Structure formats: structure tokens, C-alpha cells
């Protein structure tokens, strides 16, 4: 079997490799190149993208971007124009990426926004991470080196650069560049006010 697709919603300019599976609820627009052994399912909308071998895309929207070999996209991901995803990457649930480059083996698994960024190889971008790229007037860039861990609910305020082998603790707000092999905690210390909660809870009734 050369191709498996159950519909006609594929543009005439698109080129498909061998053993490509596209389910009937997907739409392929523009000049797409979809390489061998790719699987595209569950209402994907793909416009003018280059997709390399063995890629799986589920329920996602991709525009004018490139997806590397053996990567997984979705479900419910949005890959916006000028994005390059490397080999063996994971872009998961409710992740939005635009105008960015993601290195081989890096994972952005859920609920993150990556804008105007370069992410190195073998990085983990945690749940709820935001690349704050816009200051109200100008877009700025964030650069992350190789082998970095960005914890859940971090905010990276561009322009900022994080070196190789860094660990950014969950909940941190990073406003300054970070040298390589650095452990970063950028959050306020917790304060516990004992026996005070009841007062506030009663006030809401």
C-alpha cells in the first residue's frame, strides 16, 4: 500500500511519500511535503509544511513549518509559521509554537507557549511555561542551550539566554541571562500566616 487516505481534502500541490496514513477528517493545504510512514489523524489542518519520515500528528494545526523525523505532534498543538522542529521531538497537548527552532530530542509536552525562541537539543520544557517575547512594542528572542530543564509554570522574559545544562526551578520568572551549568530559583519565598485562613474564608460568605 503506497498511501492510505480516505478523502479528497489534500491539495494538488502536496507530495506524499510511501505508507502515509491520513484520516478523512484532516485537511492538507498548499505545498506540503509529507514523507514516508507518516500518520496524520483526528482533524489536523496542515498548510505548506515539510514533514519528514515517521512523524505522527494528531488533532493539530500546522502552518509553514518543518517537522523532523520521528517527532510526535499533538493532540491539540498549534505550530505557527517559521517553526522548525528537530528529530525525535514531542510537542503535546495545548502547546503553541511560533517562529522558533526546537532542537533534536527536546520535549514540550503540554500547556506551553514558545514564541521567537531557539531551544537546544534534549531539553524539557515543563507544563505551563511561557516565553514572554513581546514587551508591548517589540518582539524579543529567547535562546536556550542543550540539555536544559525548564520547570513547570516558569516565565522566560525575553531577551534572555540560558546556557547549556541549566536547571530552572518550577515557578521561576527569569529576567536575566543564565550561565551554563546553573541551578536557578527565581521566585519569592513562601510565607505562612498561621490561623488566618478562617477569617478570610468566613468573609466570603
C-alpha atoms as a PDB file:
ATOM      1  CA  UNK A   1       0.000   0.000   0.000  1.00  0.00           C
ATOM      2  CA  UNK A   2       1.531   3.298  -1.074  1.00  0.00           C
ATOM      3  CA  UNK A   3      -0.901   5.671   0.659  1.00  0.00           C
ATOM      4  CA  UNK A   4      -3.855   5.349   2.971  1.00  0.00           C
ATOM      5  CA  UNK A   5      -6.204   8.309   2.982  1.00  0.00           C
ATOM      6  CA  UNK A   6      -9.956   8.188   2.934  1.00  0.00           C
ATOM      7  CA  UNK A   7     -10.896  11.551   1.368  1.00  0.00           C
ATOM      8  CA  UNK A   8     -10.045  14.182  -1.222  1.00  0.00           C
ATOM      9  CA  UNK A   9      -9.073  17.003   1.152  1.00  0.00           C
ATOM     10  CA  UNK A  10      -5.456  17.095   0.016  1.00  0.00           C
ATOM     11  CA  UNK A  11      -4.182  19.910  -2.198  1.00  0.00           C
ATOM     12  CA  UNK A  12      -2.974  19.043  -5.689  1.00  0.00           C
ATOM     13  CA  UNK A  13       0.423  20.581  -4.932  1.00  0.00           C
ATOM     14  CA  UNK A  14       1.116  18.316  -1.963  1.00  0.00           C
ATOM     15  CA  UNK A  15       3.569  15.418  -2.270  1.00  0.00           C
ATOM     16  CA  UNK A  16       3.168  12.247  -0.229  1.00  0.00           C
ATOM     17  CA  UNK A  17       5.718   9.518   0.419  1.00  0.00           C
ATOM     18  CA  UNK A  18       5.095   5.811   0.865  1.00  0.00           C
ATOM     19  CA  UNK A  19       2.826   4.337   3.547  1.00  0.00           C
ATOM     20  CA  UNK A  20       1.333   7.688   4.544  1.00  0.00           C
ATOM     21  CA  UNK A  21      -1.900   7.486   6.523  1.00  0.00           C
ATOM     22  CA  UNK A  22      -4.246  10.488   6.606  1.00  0.00           C
ATOM     23  CA  UNK A  23      -7.713  10.137   8.138  1.00  0.00           C
ATOM     24  CA  UNK A  24     -10.768  11.540   6.366  1.00  0.00           C
ATOM     25  CA  UNK A  25     -11.327  14.499   8.726  1.00  0.00           C
ATOM     26  CA  UNK A  26      -7.911  16.077   8.029  1.00  0.00           C
ATOM     27  CA  UNK A  27      -7.159  18.940   5.623  1.00  0.00           C
ATOM     28  CA  UNK A  28      -3.862  19.333   3.779  1.00  0.00           C
ATOM     29  CA  UNK A  29      -3.421  22.725   2.078  1.00  0.00           C
ATOM     30  CA  UNK A  30      -0.744  24.443  -0.005  1.00  0.00           C
ATOM     31  CA  UNK A  31       2.595  22.884  -0.972  1.00  0.00           C
ATOM     32  CA  UNK A  32       3.016  20.199   1.672  1.00  0.00           C
ATOM     33  CA  UNK A  33       5.683  17.513   1.591  1.00  0.00           C
ATOM     34  CA  UNK A  34       4.778  14.517   3.742  1.00  0.00           C
ATOM     35  CA  UNK A  35       7.488  11.852   3.815  1.00  0.00           C
ATOM     36  CA  UNK A  36       7.332   8.084   4.219  1.00  0.00           C
ATOM     37  CA  UNK A  37       5.486   6.337   7.058  1.00  0.00           C
ATOM     38  CA  UNK A  38       3.783   9.430   8.470  1.00  0.00           C
ATOM     39  CA  UNK A  39       0.449   9.242  10.271  1.00  0.00           C
ATOM     40  CA  UNK A  40      -1.892  12.253  10.364  1.00  0.00           C
ATOM     41  CA  UNK A  41      -5.151  11.813  12.282  1.00  0.00           C
ATOM     42  CA  UNK A  42      -8.061  13.458  14.094  1.00  0.00           C
ATOM     43  CA  UNK A  43      -8.922  16.705  12.303  1.00  0.00           C
ATOM     44  CA  UNK A  44      -5.470  18.058  11.508  1.00  0.00           C
ATOM     45  CA  UNK A  45      -5.123  21.248   9.442  1.00  0.00           C
ATOM     46  CA  UNK A  46      -1.736  21.429   7.757  1.00  0.00           C
ATOM     47  CA  UNK A  47      -0.639  24.213   5.394  1.00  0.00           C
ATOM     48  CA  UNK A  48       2.612  24.289   3.367  1.00  0.00           C
ATOM     49  CA  UNK A  49       4.721  22.197   5.748  1.00  0.00           C
ATOM     50  CA  UNK A  50       7.638  19.847   5.248  1.00  0.00           C
ATOM     51  CA  UNK A  51       7.177  16.724   7.336  1.00  0.00           C
ATOM     52  CA  UNK A  52       9.975  14.163   7.496  1.00  0.00           C
ATOM     53  CA  UNK A  53       9.771  10.381   7.931  1.00  0.00           C
ATOM     54  CA  UNK A  54       7.889   8.565  10.704  1.00  0.00           C
ATOM     55  CA  UNK A  55       6.150  11.650  12.090  1.00  0.00           C
ATOM     56  CA  UNK A  56       2.834  11.307  13.954  1.00  0.00           C
ATOM     57  CA  UNK A  57       0.459  14.287  14.079  1.00  0.00           C
ATOM     58  CA  UNK A  58      -2.839  14.111  15.947  1.00  0.00           C
ATOM     59  CA  UNK A  59      -5.567  16.738  16.069  1.00  0.00           C
ATOM     60  CA  UNK A  60      -3.279  19.716  15.450  1.00  0.00           C
ATOM     61  CA  UNK A  61      -2.816  22.787  13.254  1.00  0.00           C
ATOM     62  CA  UNK A  62       0.480  23.412  11.467  1.00  0.00           C
ATOM     63  CA  UNK A  63       1.406  26.304   9.171  1.00  0.00           C
ATOM     64  CA  UNK A  64       4.518  26.930   7.083  1.00  0.00           C
ATOM     65  CA  UNK A  65       6.769  24.872   9.321  1.00  0.00           C
ATOM     66  CA  UNK A  66       9.113  21.888   9.305  1.00  0.00           C
ATOM     67  CA  UNK A  67       8.761  18.757  11.432  1.00  0.00           C
ATOM     68  CA  UNK A  68      11.785  16.482  11.889  1.00  0.00           C
ATOM     69  CA  UNK A  69      11.965  12.727  11.608  1.00  0.00           C
ATOM     70  CA  UNK A  70      10.339  10.553  14.329  1.00  0.00           C
ATOM     71  CA  UNK A  71       8.678  13.511  16.059  1.00  0.00           C
ATOM     72  CA  UNK A  72       5.215  13.486  17.628  1.00  0.00           C
ATOM     73  CA  UNK A  73       2.866  16.477  17.420  1.00  0.00           C
ATOM     74  CA  UNK A  74      -0.397  16.758  19.368  1.00  0.00           C
ATOM     75  CA  UNK A  75      -3.071  16.295  20.219  1.00  0.00           C
ATOM     76  CA  UNK A  76      -4.300  19.916  20.191  1.00  0.00           C
ATOM     77  CA  UNK A  77      -0.975  21.527  19.299  1.00  0.00           C
ATOM     78  CA  UNK A  78      -0.573  24.645  17.181  1.00  0.00           C
ATOM     79  CA  UNK A  79       2.627  25.093  15.206  1.00  0.00           C
ATOM     80  CA  UNK A  80       2.671  28.550  13.651  1.00  0.00           C
ATOM     81  CA  UNK A  81       4.786  29.841  10.732  1.00  0.00           C
ATOM     82  CA  UNK A  82       8.590  29.799  10.646  1.00  0.00           C
ATOM     83  CA  UNK A  83       8.943  26.982  13.161  1.00  0.00           C
ATOM     84  CA  UNK A  84      11.456  24.160  12.768  1.00  0.00           C
ATOM     85  CA  UNK A  85      11.022  21.095  14.981  1.00  0.00           C
ATOM     86  CA  UNK A  86      14.012  18.731  15.133  1.00  0.00           C
ATOM     87  CA  UNK A  87      14.206  14.946  15.151  1.00  0.00           C
ATOM     88  CA  UNK A  88      12.558  12.845  17.890  1.00  0.00           C
ATOM     89  CA  UNK A  89      10.791  15.819  19.469  1.00  0.00           C
ATOM     90  CA  UNK A  90       7.497  15.893  21.336  1.00  0.00           C
ATOM     91  CA  UNK A  91       5.052  18.804  21.065  1.00  0.00           C
ATOM     92  CA  UNK A  92       1.999  17.901  23.107  1.00  0.00           C
ATOM     93  CA  UNK A  93      -1.402  18.985  24.366  1.00  0.00           C
ATOM     94  CA  UNK A  94      -2.261  22.679  24.007  1.00  0.00           C
ATOM     95  CA  UNK A  95       1.262  23.767  23.096  1.00  0.00           C
ATOM     96  CA  UNK A  96       1.658  26.759  20.774  1.00  0.00           C
ATOM     97  CA  UNK A  97       4.939  27.456  18.991  1.00  0.00           C
ATOM     98  CA  UNK A  98       5.712  30.274  16.570  1.00  0.00           C
ATOM     99  CA  UNK A  99       8.829  31.489  14.779  1.00  0.00           C
ATOM    100  CA  UNK A 100      11.024  29.138  16.783  1.00  0.00           C
ATOM    101  CA  UNK A 101      13.566  26.354  16.415  1.00  0.00           C
ATOM    102  CA  UNK A 102      13.398  23.253  18.626  1.00  0.00           C
ATOM    103  CA  UNK A 103      16.493  21.022  18.768  1.00  0.00           C
ATOM    104  CA  UNK A 104      16.609  17.260  18.379  1.00  0.00           C
ATOM    105  CA  UNK A 105      15.153  15.229  21.232  1.00  0.00           C
ATOM    106  CA  UNK A 106      13.525  18.156  23.040  1.00  0.00           C
ATOM    107  CA  UNK A 107      10.069  17.885  24.597  1.00  0.00           C
ATOM    108  CA  UNK A 108       7.328  20.462  25.120  1.00  0.00           C
ATOM    109  CA  UNK A 109       4.622  18.150  26.314  1.00  0.00           C
ATOM    110  CA  UNK A 110       1.721  20.327  27.449  1.00  0.00           C
ATOM    111  CA  UNK A 111       0.208  23.779  28.051  1.00  0.00           C
ATOM    112  CA  UNK A 112       3.148  25.939  26.969  1.00  0.00           C
ATOM    113  CA  UNK A 113       3.728  28.956  24.714  1.00  0.00           C
ATOM    114  CA  UNK A 114       7.015  29.214  22.812  1.00  0.00           C
ATOM    115  CA  UNK A 115       7.458  32.366  20.729  1.00  0.00           C
ATOM    116  CA  UNK A 116      10.568  33.709  18.969  1.00  0.00           C
ATOM    117  CA  UNK A 117      12.896  31.169  20.550  1.00  0.00           C
ATOM    118  CA  UNK A 118      15.768  28.798  19.933  1.00  0.00           C
ATOM    119  CA  UNK A 119      15.715  25.668  22.083  1.00  0.00           C
ATOM    120  CA  UNK A 120      18.720  23.344  22.047  1.00  0.00           C
ATOM    121  CA  UNK A 121      18.844  19.569  21.984  1.00  0.00           C
ATOM    122  CA  UNK A 122      17.472  17.251  24.693  1.00  0.00           C
ATOM    123  CA  UNK A 123      15.648  19.971  26.616  1.00  0.00           C
ATOM    124  CA  UNK A 124      12.485  19.582  28.659  1.00  0.00           C
ATOM    125  CA  UNK A 125      10.028  22.489  28.700  1.00  0.00           C
ATOM    126  CA  UNK A 126       7.576  21.932  31.562  1.00  0.00           C
ATOM    127  CA  UNK A 127       3.835  22.384  31.813  1.00  0.00           C
ATOM    128  CA  UNK A 128       2.664  25.998  31.689  1.00  0.00           C
ATOM    129  CA  UNK A 129       5.975  27.541  30.613  1.00  0.00           C
ATOM    130  CA  UNK A 130       5.612  30.893  28.828  1.00  0.00           C
ATOM    131  CA  UNK A 131       8.213  32.501  26.613  1.00  0.00           C
ATOM    132  CA  UNK A 132       7.284  36.165  27.118  1.00  0.00           C
ATOM    133  CA  UNK A 133       8.506  37.529  23.811  1.00  0.00           C
ATOM    134  CA  UNK A 134       6.540  40.789  23.494  1.00  0.00           C
ATOM    135  CA  UNK A 135       7.064  43.913  25.607  1.00  0.00           C
ATOM    136  CA  UNK A 136       4.125  45.809  24.138  1.00  0.00           C
ATOM    137  CA  UNK A 137       6.171  47.348  21.338  1.00  0.00           C
ATOM    138  CA  UNK A 138       8.811  44.857  20.150  1.00  0.00           C
ATOM    139  CA  UNK A 139       9.253  41.094  19.880  1.00  0.00           C
ATOM    140  CA  UNK A 140      12.379  39.708  21.564  1.00  0.00           C
ATOM    141  CA  UNK A 141      14.180  36.360  21.390  1.00  0.00           C
ATOM    142  CA  UNK A 142      14.892  33.658  23.964  1.00  0.00           C
ATOM    143  CA  UNK A 143      17.811  31.251  23.463  1.00  0.00           C
ATOM    144  CA  UNK A 144      18.112  28.016  25.466  1.00  0.00           C
ATOM    145  CA  UNK A 145      21.175  25.772  25.220  1.00  0.00           C
ATOM    146  CA  UNK A 146      21.374  21.978  25.165  1.00  0.00           C
ATOM    147  CA  UNK A 147      20.280  19.618  27.969  1.00  0.00           C
ATOM    148  CA  UNK A 148      18.235  22.190  29.893  1.00  0.00           C
ATOM    149  CA  UNK A 149      15.282  21.586  32.209  1.00  0.00           C
ATOM    150  CA  UNK A 150      12.690  24.368  32.450  1.00  0.00           C
ATOM    151  CA  UNK A 151      10.288  23.593  35.309  1.00  0.00           C
ATOM    152  CA  UNK A 152       6.519  23.950  35.278  1.00  0.00           C
ATOM    153  CA  UNK A 153       4.968  27.434  35.256  1.00  0.00           C
ATOM    154  CA  UNK A 154       8.198  29.272  34.522  1.00  0.00           C
ATOM    155  CA  UNK A 155       8.148  32.551  32.616  1.00  0.00           C
ATOM    156  CA  UNK A 156      11.145  33.494  30.497  1.00  0.00           C
ATOM    157  CA  UNK A 157      11.189  37.247  29.877  1.00  0.00           C
ATOM    158  CA  UNK A 158      12.918  37.924  26.553  1.00  0.00           C
ATOM    159  CA  UNK A 159      15.508  38.895  25.582  1.00  0.00           C
ATOM    160  CA  UNK A 160      17.240  36.247  27.665  1.00  0.00           C
ATOM    161  CA  UNK A 161      19.772  33.481  27.076  1.00  0.00           C
ATOM    162  CA  UNK A 162      20.116  30.276  29.101  1.00  0.00           C
ATOM    163  CA  UNK A 163      23.338  28.291  28.726  1.00  0.00           C
ATOM    164  CA  UNK A 164      23.802  24.546  28.353  1.00  0.00           C
ATOM    165  CA  UNK A 165      22.967  22.125  31.186  1.00  0.00           C
ATOM    166  CA  UNK A 166      20.839  24.533  33.249  1.00  0.00           C
ATOM    167  CA  UNK A 167      18.005  23.680  35.629  1.00  0.00           C
ATOM    168  CA  UNK A 168      15.286  26.324  36.118  1.00  0.00           C
ATOM    169  CA  UNK A 169      13.070  25.561  39.121  1.00  0.00           C
ATOM    170  CA  UNK A 170       9.290  25.473  38.740  1.00  0.00           C
ATOM    171  CA  UNK A 171       7.529  28.802  39.144  1.00  0.00           C
ATOM    172  CA  UNK A 172      10.593  30.899  38.354  1.00  0.00           C
ATOM    173  CA  UNK A 173      10.469  34.191  36.457  1.00  0.00           C
ATOM    174  CA  UNK A 174      13.742  34.537  34.565  1.00  0.00           C
ATOM    175  CA  UNK A 175      14.679  38.093  33.583  1.00  0.00           C
ATOM    176  CA  UNK A 176      18.465  37.793  33.267  1.00  0.00           C
ATOM    177  CA  UNK A 177      20.682  35.536  31.188  1.00  0.00           C
ATOM    178  CA  UNK A 178      21.933  32.358  32.877  1.00  0.00           C
ATOM    179  CA  UNK A 179      25.463  30.890  32.523  1.00  0.00           C
ATOM    180  CA  UNK A 180      25.852  27.228  31.636  1.00  0.00           C
ATOM    181  CA  UNK A 181      25.529  24.542  34.327  1.00  0.00           C
ATOM    182  CA  UNK A 182      23.481  26.803  36.646  1.00  0.00           C
ATOM    183  CA  UNK A 183      20.655  25.926  39.045  1.00  0.00           C
ATOM    184  CA  UNK A 184      18.129  28.784  39.081  1.00  0.00           C
ATOM    185  CA  UNK A 185      15.442  29.641  41.640  1.00  0.00           C
ATOM    186  CA  UNK A 186      13.679  32.905  40.799  1.00  0.00           C
ATOM    187  CA  UNK A 187      10.589  33.138  42.981  1.00  0.00           C
ATOM    188  CA  UNK A 188       9.517  34.688  46.281  1.00  0.00           C
ATOM    189  CA  UNK A 189       9.885  32.699  49.471  1.00  0.00           C
ATOM    190  CA  UNK A 190       6.599  31.277  50.806  1.00  0.00           C
ATOM    191  CA  UNK A 191       5.131  32.913  53.910  1.00  0.00           C
ATOM    192  CA  UNK A 192       2.643  31.015  56.121  1.00  0.00           C
ATOM    193  CA  UNK A 193       0.232  33.051  58.266  1.00  0.00           C
ATOM    194  CA  UNK A 194      -0.954  30.599  60.897  1.00  0.00           C
ATOM    195  CA  UNK A 195      -4.616  30.539  61.957  1.00  0.00           C
ATOM    196  CA  UNK A 196      -5.525  33.282  59.486  1.00  0.00           C
ATOM    197  CA  UNK A 197      -7.379  31.342  56.775  1.00  0.00           C
ATOM    198  CA  UNK A 198     -10.667  31.053  58.684  1.00  0.00           C
ATOM    199  CA  UNK A 199     -11.003  34.835  58.820  1.00  0.00           C
ATOM    200  CA  UNK A 200     -10.786  35.170  55.033  1.00  0.00           C
ATOM    201  CA  UNK A 201     -12.988  32.186  54.327  1.00  0.00           C
ATOM    202  CA  UNK A 202     -15.766  33.499  56.580  1.00  0.00           C
ATOM    203  CA  UNK A 203     -15.506  36.905  54.935  1.00  0.00           C
ATOM    204  CA  UNK A 204     -16.516  35.380  51.604  1.00  0.00           C
ATOM    205  CA  UNK A 205     -19.825  34.037  52.938  1.00  0.00           C
END
